[in-house]
Protein backbone atom coordinates (compact mmCIF):
# COMPACT_ATOMS: atom_id res chain seq x y z
CA UNK A 1 -115.73 -30.19 191.60
CA UNK A 2 -119.18 -30.29 193.31
CA UNK A 3 -121.82 -32.86 195.05
CA UNK A 4 -124.87 -33.70 193.53
CA UNK A 5 -128.14 -34.05 195.74
CA UNK A 6 -131.68 -35.41 194.85
CA UNK A 7 -134.56 -35.12 197.54
CA UNK A 8 -137.94 -36.27 197.06
CA UNK A 9 -137.47 -36.12 193.00
CA UNK A 10 -140.73 -37.16 191.11
CA UNK A 11 -141.52 -36.36 187.42
CA UNK A 12 -144.73 -37.12 185.80
CA UNK A 13 -145.84 -37.20 182.12
CA UNK A 14 -149.78 -37.11 182.33
CA UNK A 15 -150.69 -40.24 183.87
CA UNK A 16 -147.15 -41.80 183.40
CA UNK A 17 -144.90 -41.70 186.41
CA UNK A 18 -141.26 -41.49 185.27
CA UNK A 19 -139.94 -40.61 188.91
CA UNK A 20 -141.19 -42.01 191.55
CA UNK A 21 -139.42 -39.73 194.60
CA UNK A 22 -135.79 -41.03 194.05
CA UNK A 23 -133.22 -39.15 196.93
CA UNK A 24 -129.74 -39.29 195.75
CA UNK A 25 -126.12 -38.10 197.33
CA UNK A 26 -123.38 -38.14 194.77
CA UNK A 27 -120.28 -36.68 196.46
CA UNK A 28 -117.60 -34.67 194.67
CA UNK A 29 -115.19 -36.47 192.59
CA UNK A 30 -117.38 -39.70 192.63
CA UNK A 31 -118.34 -41.68 189.68
CA UNK A 32 -121.54 -43.06 189.66
CA UNK A 33 -123.61 -44.83 187.00
CA UNK A 34 -127.46 -45.08 186.82
CA UNK A 35 -128.00 -48.28 185.44
CA UNK A 36 -131.65 -50.04 184.68
CA UNK A 37 -133.80 -51.06 181.44
CA UNK A 38 -135.50 -48.75 178.96
CA UNK A 39 -138.04 -46.79 180.77
CA UNK A 40 -136.87 -46.98 184.17
CA UNK A 41 -136.44 -43.20 184.53
CA UNK A 42 -132.35 -42.91 184.73
CA UNK A 43 -132.22 -40.70 181.67
CA UNK A 44 -135.64 -38.45 183.34
CA UNK A 45 -133.04 -38.15 186.26
CA UNK A 46 -130.04 -37.32 184.42
CA UNK A 47 -132.23 -34.53 182.67
CA UNK A 48 -133.59 -32.96 185.80
CA UNK A 49 -129.97 -32.59 186.97
CA UNK A 50 -128.84 -31.08 184.00
CA UNK A 51 -131.87 -28.59 183.84
CA UNK A 52 -133.28 -29.94 180.51
CA UNK A 53 -136.57 -30.41 182.30
CA UNK A 54 -137.88 -29.41 185.58
CA UNK A 55 -139.38 -31.98 188.28
CA UNK A 56 -143.09 -32.31 188.94
CA UNK A 57 -141.91 -31.85 192.55
CA UNK A 58 -138.67 -32.03 194.49
CA UNK A 59 -135.31 -30.36 194.61
CA UNK A 60 -131.95 -30.66 192.88
CA UNK A 61 -128.83 -29.43 194.58
CA UNK A 62 -125.61 -28.90 193.36
CA UNK A 63 -122.58 -28.08 195.43
CA UNK A 64 -125.32 -27.81 198.63
CA UNK A 65 -127.14 -24.64 196.32
CA UNK A 66 -130.48 -25.92 195.08
CA UNK A 67 -130.63 -25.29 191.46
CA UNK A 68 -134.10 -26.88 190.43
CA UNK A 69 -134.88 -23.40 189.14
CA UNK A 70 -131.69 -22.51 187.59
CA UNK A 71 -131.76 -22.71 183.51
CA UNK A 72 -128.85 -25.43 182.09
CA UNK A 73 -126.35 -23.01 181.22
CA UNK A 74 -125.90 -21.48 184.82
CA UNK A 75 -125.84 -24.70 186.29
CA UNK A 76 -121.91 -25.54 185.87
CA UNK A 77 -122.45 -28.79 183.98
CA UNK A 78 -120.86 -30.22 181.14
CA UNK A 79 -122.94 -33.17 179.15
CA UNK A 80 -122.36 -35.48 176.76
CA UNK A 81 -125.22 -37.23 174.79
CA UNK A 82 -126.12 -40.43 173.03
CA UNK A 83 -126.03 -38.79 170.07
CA UNK A 84 -122.38 -37.21 169.40
CA UNK A 85 -124.11 -33.64 168.53
CA UNK A 86 -120.95 -32.40 166.85
CA UNK A 87 -121.31 -29.28 164.58
CA UNK A 88 -120.77 -30.99 161.10
CA UNK A 89 -119.25 -27.63 159.69
CA UNK A 90 -116.63 -27.36 162.51
CA UNK A 91 -112.96 -29.15 162.84
CA UNK A 92 -112.74 -31.32 166.19
CA UNK A 93 -110.85 -28.23 167.40
CA UNK A 94 -113.73 -25.99 166.99
CA UNK A 95 -116.22 -28.31 167.97
CA UNK A 96 -113.98 -28.45 171.42
CA UNK A 97 -113.78 -24.62 171.36
CA UNK A 98 -117.27 -23.56 171.03
CA UNK A 99 -118.27 -23.61 174.84
CA UNK A 100 -115.50 -21.12 175.22
CA UNK A 101 -116.33 -19.15 172.71
CA UNK A 102 -119.77 -18.64 173.88
CA UNK A 103 -117.81 -17.49 177.07
CA UNK A 104 -116.08 -14.82 175.08
CA UNK A 105 -112.62 -16.66 176.03
CA UNK A 106 -109.76 -14.96 173.62
CA UNK A 107 -109.04 -17.15 170.92
CA UNK A 108 -105.24 -17.58 172.31
CA UNK A 109 -107.05 -19.15 175.22
CA UNK A 110 -109.24 -21.09 173.16
CA UNK A 111 -106.84 -22.72 170.97
CA UNK A 112 -104.74 -23.47 174.16
CA UNK A 113 -107.62 -25.35 175.90
CA UNK A 114 -108.91 -27.01 172.69
CA UNK A 115 -105.00 -28.28 171.87
CA UNK A 116 -104.55 -29.66 175.52
CA UNK A 117 -108.07 -31.64 175.58
CA UNK A 118 -107.44 -33.04 172.03
CA UNK A 119 -104.20 -34.28 173.64
CA UNK A 120 -105.82 -35.65 176.24
CA UNK A 121 -108.48 -37.65 174.78
CA UNK A 122 -105.65 -38.76 172.19
CA UNK A 123 -106.74 -37.00 169.46
CA UNK A 124 -104.19 -34.38 169.38
CA UNK A 125 -103.36 -35.41 165.58
CA UNK A 126 -107.03 -34.86 164.53
CA UNK A 127 -107.96 -31.41 165.53
CA UNK A 128 -108.26 -29.91 161.79
CA UNK A 129 -110.52 -33.27 160.79
CA UNK A 130 -114.43 -32.44 160.72
CA UNK A 131 -116.96 -34.58 162.21
CA UNK A 132 -117.52 -36.76 158.87
CA UNK A 133 -113.80 -37.28 158.53
CA UNK A 134 -113.81 -39.02 161.94
CA UNK A 135 -114.68 -42.75 163.39
CA UNK A 136 -117.59 -42.89 165.69
CA UNK A 137 -115.54 -43.37 168.46
CA UNK A 138 -113.24 -40.53 168.02
CA UNK A 139 -116.40 -38.50 167.39
CA UNK A 140 -117.65 -39.10 170.95
CA UNK A 141 -113.93 -38.47 172.27
CA UNK A 142 -114.63 -34.81 170.72
CA UNK A 143 -117.94 -34.84 172.47
CA UNK A 144 -116.48 -35.74 175.53
CA UNK A 145 -113.59 -32.81 174.98
CA UNK A 146 -116.28 -30.55 174.36
CA UNK A 147 -118.15 -31.01 177.54
CA UNK A 148 -114.68 -30.80 179.18
CA UNK A 149 -113.43 -27.55 177.95
CA UNK A 150 -115.60 -25.31 180.07
CA UNK A 151 -114.35 -27.20 183.22
CA UNK A 152 -118.00 -27.95 184.81
CA UNK A 153 -117.95 -29.03 188.07
CA UNK A 154 -120.57 -31.75 187.33
CA UNK A 155 -120.14 -34.17 184.20
CA UNK A 156 -123.30 -35.79 182.65
CA UNK A 157 -123.47 -38.84 180.33
CA UNK A 158 -126.04 -40.26 178.72
CA UNK A 159 -125.83 -43.88 177.10
CA UNK A 160 -122.64 -42.38 175.33
CA UNK A 161 -121.51 -45.54 174.07
CA UNK A 162 -124.35 -47.65 172.94
CA UNK A 163 -123.89 -46.27 168.88
CA UNK A 164 -120.37 -48.10 169.19
CA UNK A 165 -119.12 -51.36 168.35
CA UNK A 166 -118.09 -53.95 171.29
CA UNK A 167 -114.60 -53.23 171.30
CA UNK A 168 -114.58 -49.80 170.71
CA UNK A 169 -117.12 -49.21 173.48
CA UNK A 170 -114.52 -51.06 176.00
CA UNK A 171 -111.69 -49.03 174.97
CA UNK A 172 -113.64 -45.58 175.30
CA UNK A 173 -114.98 -46.54 178.36
CA UNK A 174 -111.92 -46.86 179.89
CA UNK A 175 -110.64 -43.46 178.37
CA UNK A 176 -113.53 -41.95 180.07
CA UNK A 177 -112.93 -43.74 183.41
CA UNK A 178 -109.07 -42.46 183.02
CA UNK A 179 -110.03 -38.87 182.70
CA UNK A 180 -112.83 -38.71 185.29
CA UNK A 181 -109.78 -39.93 187.82
CA UNK A 182 -107.00 -37.55 186.33
CA UNK A 183 -109.38 -34.54 186.71
CA UNK A 184 -111.51 -35.57 189.61
CA UNK A 185 -114.43 -34.66 188.31
CA UNK A 186 -117.90 -35.67 189.74
CA UNK A 187 -119.46 -38.07 187.12
CA UNK A 188 -123.15 -39.24 186.95
CA UNK A 189 -123.37 -42.00 183.86
CA UNK A 190 -126.65 -43.37 182.48
CA UNK A 191 -125.99 -46.90 181.06
CA UNK A 192 -128.29 -49.75 180.68
CA UNK A 193 -125.16 -52.12 180.13
CA UNK A 194 -124.13 -53.64 183.61
CA UNK A 195 -120.93 -54.85 182.39
CA UNK A 196 -120.24 -51.11 181.60
CA UNK A 197 -121.56 -49.76 185.09
CA UNK A 198 -119.75 -52.23 186.84
CA UNK A 199 -116.17 -52.11 184.98
CA UNK A 200 -115.87 -48.34 185.52
CA UNK A 201 -117.97 -47.02 188.44
CA UNK A 202 -117.45 -46.38 192.27
CA UNK A 203 -120.89 -47.00 193.14
CA UNK A 204 -124.00 -47.84 190.82
CA UNK A 205 -127.87 -47.05 191.25
CA UNK A 206 -129.86 -49.51 190.06
CA UNK A 207 -133.48 -48.22 188.89
CA UNK A 208 -136.63 -49.61 188.08
CA UNK A 209 -140.00 -48.22 187.72
CA UNK A 210 -139.05 -44.71 188.34
CA UNK A 211 -137.30 -45.82 191.84
CA UNK A 212 -133.75 -47.01 192.93
CA UNK A 213 -134.01 -50.38 194.11
CA UNK A 214 -130.01 -50.37 195.25
CA UNK A 215 -127.38 -48.65 195.38
CA UNK A 216 -123.77 -49.58 196.34
CA UNK A 217 -120.53 -50.57 194.75
CA UNK A 218 -119.87 -52.62 192.31
CA UNK A 219 -119.04 -55.54 194.25
CA UNK A 220 -121.96 -55.38 196.90
CA UNK A 221 -124.53 -54.97 194.05
CA UNK A 222 -123.07 -58.41 192.39
CA UNK A 223 -122.27 -59.86 195.47
CA UNK A 224 -125.25 -58.88 197.84
CA UNK A 225 -128.43 -58.09 195.75
CA UNK A 226 -131.31 -56.78 198.02
CA UNK A 227 -133.90 -57.37 195.78
CA UNK A 228 -134.98 -60.17 193.10
CA UNK A 229 -134.69 -57.50 190.33
CA UNK A 230 -130.96 -56.52 191.29
CA UNK A 231 -130.21 -60.12 191.26
CA UNK A 232 -131.27 -60.63 187.91
CA UNK A 233 -130.63 -57.52 186.36
CA UNK A 234 -126.64 -57.43 187.65
CA UNK A 235 -124.86 -60.44 186.04
CA UNK A 236 -126.54 -63.63 185.52
CA UNK A 237 -128.10 -65.77 188.24
CA UNK A 238 -129.39 -68.90 188.77
CA UNK A 239 -133.24 -68.32 190.49
CA UNK A 240 -134.61 -71.27 192.63
CA UNK A 241 -138.18 -70.39 194.02
CA UNK A 242 -137.94 -72.54 197.22
CA UNK A 243 -139.30 -73.29 200.60
CA UNK A 244 -137.09 -73.20 203.91
CA UNK A 245 -136.90 -76.89 205.51
CA UNK A 246 -135.24 -78.38 208.25
CA UNK A 247 -131.65 -78.15 209.42
CA UNK A 248 -130.56 -75.05 207.45
CA UNK A 249 -132.06 -76.91 204.16
CA UNK A 250 -134.27 -75.47 201.38
CA UNK A 251 -136.75 -77.72 199.06
CA UNK A 252 -136.45 -76.81 195.48
CA UNK A 253 -139.39 -78.39 193.78
CA UNK A 254 -138.79 -81.49 195.39
CA UNK A 255 -134.90 -81.55 195.66
CA UNK A 256 -133.32 -80.70 198.58
CA UNK A 257 -130.31 -78.36 199.02
CA UNK A 258 -128.36 -77.20 201.87
CA UNK A 259 -128.01 -73.51 202.13
CA UNK A 260 -126.20 -71.79 205.38
CA UNK A 261 -128.84 -68.64 204.85
CA UNK A 262 -131.52 -70.81 205.63
CA UNK A 263 -130.58 -71.42 209.37
CA UNK A 264 -132.13 -68.46 210.56
CA UNK A 265 -135.27 -68.51 208.60
CA UNK A 266 -138.31 -69.93 209.76
CA UNK A 267 -139.62 -73.43 208.24
CA UNK A 268 -141.81 -73.18 205.70
CA UNK A 269 -140.88 -69.38 204.25
CA UNK A 270 -141.27 -69.00 200.68
CA UNK A 271 -137.49 -67.92 199.57
CA UNK A 272 -135.51 -67.10 196.27
CA UNK A 273 -132.67 -68.44 196.38
CA UNK A 274 -129.68 -66.97 194.22
CA UNK A 275 -126.95 -68.64 193.07
CA UNK A 276 -124.18 -67.14 190.88
CA UNK A 277 -123.29 -69.88 187.75
CA UNK A 278 -119.61 -69.58 188.60
CA UNK A 279 -120.45 -71.14 192.25
CA UNK A 280 -122.25 -74.34 190.83
CA UNK A 281 -119.73 -77.19 189.89
CA UNK A 282 -120.65 -79.77 187.25
CA UNK A 283 -119.23 -83.43 186.99
CA UNK A 284 -120.55 -86.61 184.70
CA UNK A 285 -121.87 -89.25 186.47
CA UNK A 286 -119.79 -91.44 188.12
CA UNK A 287 -117.00 -88.88 189.17
CA UNK A 288 -119.09 -87.19 191.69
CA UNK A 289 -120.89 -88.28 194.82
CA UNK A 290 -125.04 -87.30 194.96
CA UNK A 291 -125.81 -85.58 198.26
CA UNK A 292 -127.51 -82.52 200.02
CA UNK A 293 -127.43 -79.79 197.42
CA UNK A 294 -126.86 -81.56 194.30
CA UNK A 295 -129.41 -82.73 191.06
CA UNK A 296 -129.00 -85.27 188.48
CA UNK A 297 -129.91 -84.55 185.16
CA UNK A 298 -128.57 -84.53 181.69
CA UNK A 299 -126.56 -80.90 179.89
CA UNK A 300 -129.31 -79.56 177.90
CA UNK A 301 -127.48 -76.48 176.50
CA UNK A 302 -123.79 -75.06 175.93
CA UNK A 303 -122.74 -71.34 175.22
CA UNK A 304 -119.39 -70.97 174.47
CA UNK A 305 -117.97 -67.38 175.72
CA UNK A 306 -114.29 -67.97 175.25
CA UNK A 307 -112.33 -68.88 178.33
CA UNK A 308 -115.60 -69.90 179.82
CA UNK A 309 -118.36 -71.97 178.88
CA UNK A 310 -121.89 -71.68 180.13
CA UNK A 311 -123.80 -74.98 180.57
CA UNK A 312 -127.43 -75.52 181.36
CA UNK A 313 -128.38 -78.97 183.48
CA UNK A 314 -131.90 -80.10 183.74
CA UNK A 315 -133.24 -82.95 185.77
CA UNK A 316 -136.39 -85.05 185.14
CA UNK A 317 -138.22 -82.86 187.26
CA UNK A 318 -137.49 -79.79 185.23
CA UNK A 319 -135.24 -78.57 187.89
CA UNK A 320 -132.16 -76.67 186.37
CA UNK A 321 -128.95 -75.38 187.21
CA UNK A 322 -126.56 -73.07 184.82
CA UNK A 323 -122.82 -73.18 185.56
CA UNK A 324 -119.93 -71.30 184.20
CA UNK A 325 -116.98 -73.48 183.80
CA UNK A 326 -113.67 -72.78 182.46
CA UNK A 327 -114.02 -74.12 178.33
CA UNK A 328 -111.50 -76.74 179.44
CA UNK A 329 -113.91 -78.32 182.10
CA UNK A 330 -116.85 -78.27 180.05
CA UNK A 331 -115.09 -79.91 177.13
CA UNK A 332 -116.23 -83.33 177.53
CA UNK A 333 -120.13 -81.70 178.80
CA UNK A 334 -121.64 -82.28 175.39
CA UNK A 335 -125.39 -81.83 175.27
CA UNK A 336 -127.03 -84.95 176.78
CA UNK A 337 -124.43 -85.81 178.94
CA UNK A 338 -125.49 -87.09 181.96
CA UNK A 339 -123.92 -85.00 184.95
CA UNK A 340 -124.37 -83.87 188.48
CA UNK A 341 -124.92 -80.38 189.34
CA UNK A 342 -124.49 -78.73 192.70
CA UNK A 343 -123.47 -75.78 194.62
CA UNK A 344 -121.44 -75.12 198.19
CA UNK A 345 -124.11 -74.33 201.32
CA UNK A 346 -122.43 -71.11 201.53
CA UNK A 347 -122.73 -70.01 197.93
CA UNK A 348 -126.40 -69.40 197.97
CA UNK A 349 -127.83 -65.81 198.80
CA UNK A 350 -131.63 -66.08 200.23
CA UNK A 351 -134.60 -63.48 199.36
CA UNK A 352 -137.91 -63.33 201.04
CA UNK A 353 -140.38 -63.83 198.17
CA UNK A 354 -142.80 -61.37 198.75
CA UNK A 355 -145.48 -60.22 196.73
CA UNK A 356 -143.66 -56.76 196.48
CA UNK A 357 -140.62 -58.45 195.32
CA UNK A 358 -141.86 -59.59 191.96
CA UNK A 359 -140.72 -58.22 189.20
CA UNK A 360 -141.35 -58.89 185.35
CA UNK A 361 -138.12 -60.17 183.83
CA UNK A 362 -135.50 -57.31 183.05
CA UNK A 363 -134.24 -59.39 180.09
CA UNK A 364 -137.83 -58.45 178.58
CA UNK A 365 -137.11 -54.88 179.11
CA UNK A 366 -134.13 -54.18 178.26
CA UNK A 367 -133.62 -52.62 174.50
C-alpha cells in the first residue's frame, strides 16, 4: 500500500477558487475521510489525486513519487463513484473482471480474481446477474469489487453511499470498513455525512471554502473542535455567544454560567461557548435548585429520536439550551413544561469569537 501527500494544492475554475492551498499527508493503510458541505472542494481534491483533473498549482505525491502530471491509468488507483457506473451489458462477474482484461490477464486469472472478490463482498451467488437484476446496494458492492480487482495501492471513494437508503447505507459503510481493514489499503473517502465519516475513519479532515479547517481522529473532531464551523458541522452543538466574566464565568445574554475554560481568559473577551446536548441536564421546576450555570424556562420543542429525545428549552430572555435526554427521562417534559436547564462547568468549550471565525451556518449549505 502507498501513502498520499498533497502539497500546496490549488485549483481555480476561472474566478472560482475550488481549492485554496491544502496540505495533507495520508500514511500507508490509513482510512481518511474528507468531510464538508457541498462546494467545499472535497471532490475536487479527490479528482486531483486520481488524475482526472490537474491542479492550478501544487503537487500530488503517491508513495513519495510526484504524480501531478501522470495520467490516471498510471497512478495505481482504484476509484468508486457516487453513480455505480457499471456496464449494463455485462454481468457482475464481467464488470469486476473488466480492469483485469484491460491489463491482459488470462481468462482463468480474471475469473479466479472476480470470484474471490465477489465472495469478499458477499455476492458470490450473484456473479451471473446483470446490473438491472441487482439492488442499488448490490450494484455499489460490485463497483467496489471492480475497483479492488486491479489491487490498487490507493482506493478513492466519492460519496459512494449517498444514493442508497439509510439502512443499506449503514450496512455498506461497515462492509467497506471491514474490507479496507482486511486488505490494509490506503483509502480516501469523500462524504458530507458526518455520522458516516466518524463511524468508519481513522482520521477525518473537515473542509470549508477550499481549505482544511481541522484534521484529527473522530474523537478529537467531536470532542475538541478547533473552529466554530467544525463545532457546528460535527454533531449537534449548543452555540452560546458570550462574554468572559469574573472567577471562571461567562455572561450569556444576561445569564451567568460557570465555565472552567473561562478561568484563563481575560475578562470582557467575546467567546463562543460550545456545549454538546448530551451534557445538558433538564429537570422540572421544583426538582432542582437554580444557581450558576442554569436557566429557567419552558420546553418549546421535542424531537423523538428513538432511545433519545431532543428537548429545547427557552427562557423569557430568548436564551435557549438543547438537551439530548433518554426518552424515559424526557417523557414527562411535554411542550410548555416549566424547567431548569444547565450544564456542568467542565462540559463547555470556549473559542475566541474573532471575525475570521465567522462562518455561514453549515446547515444552510449541506445538500
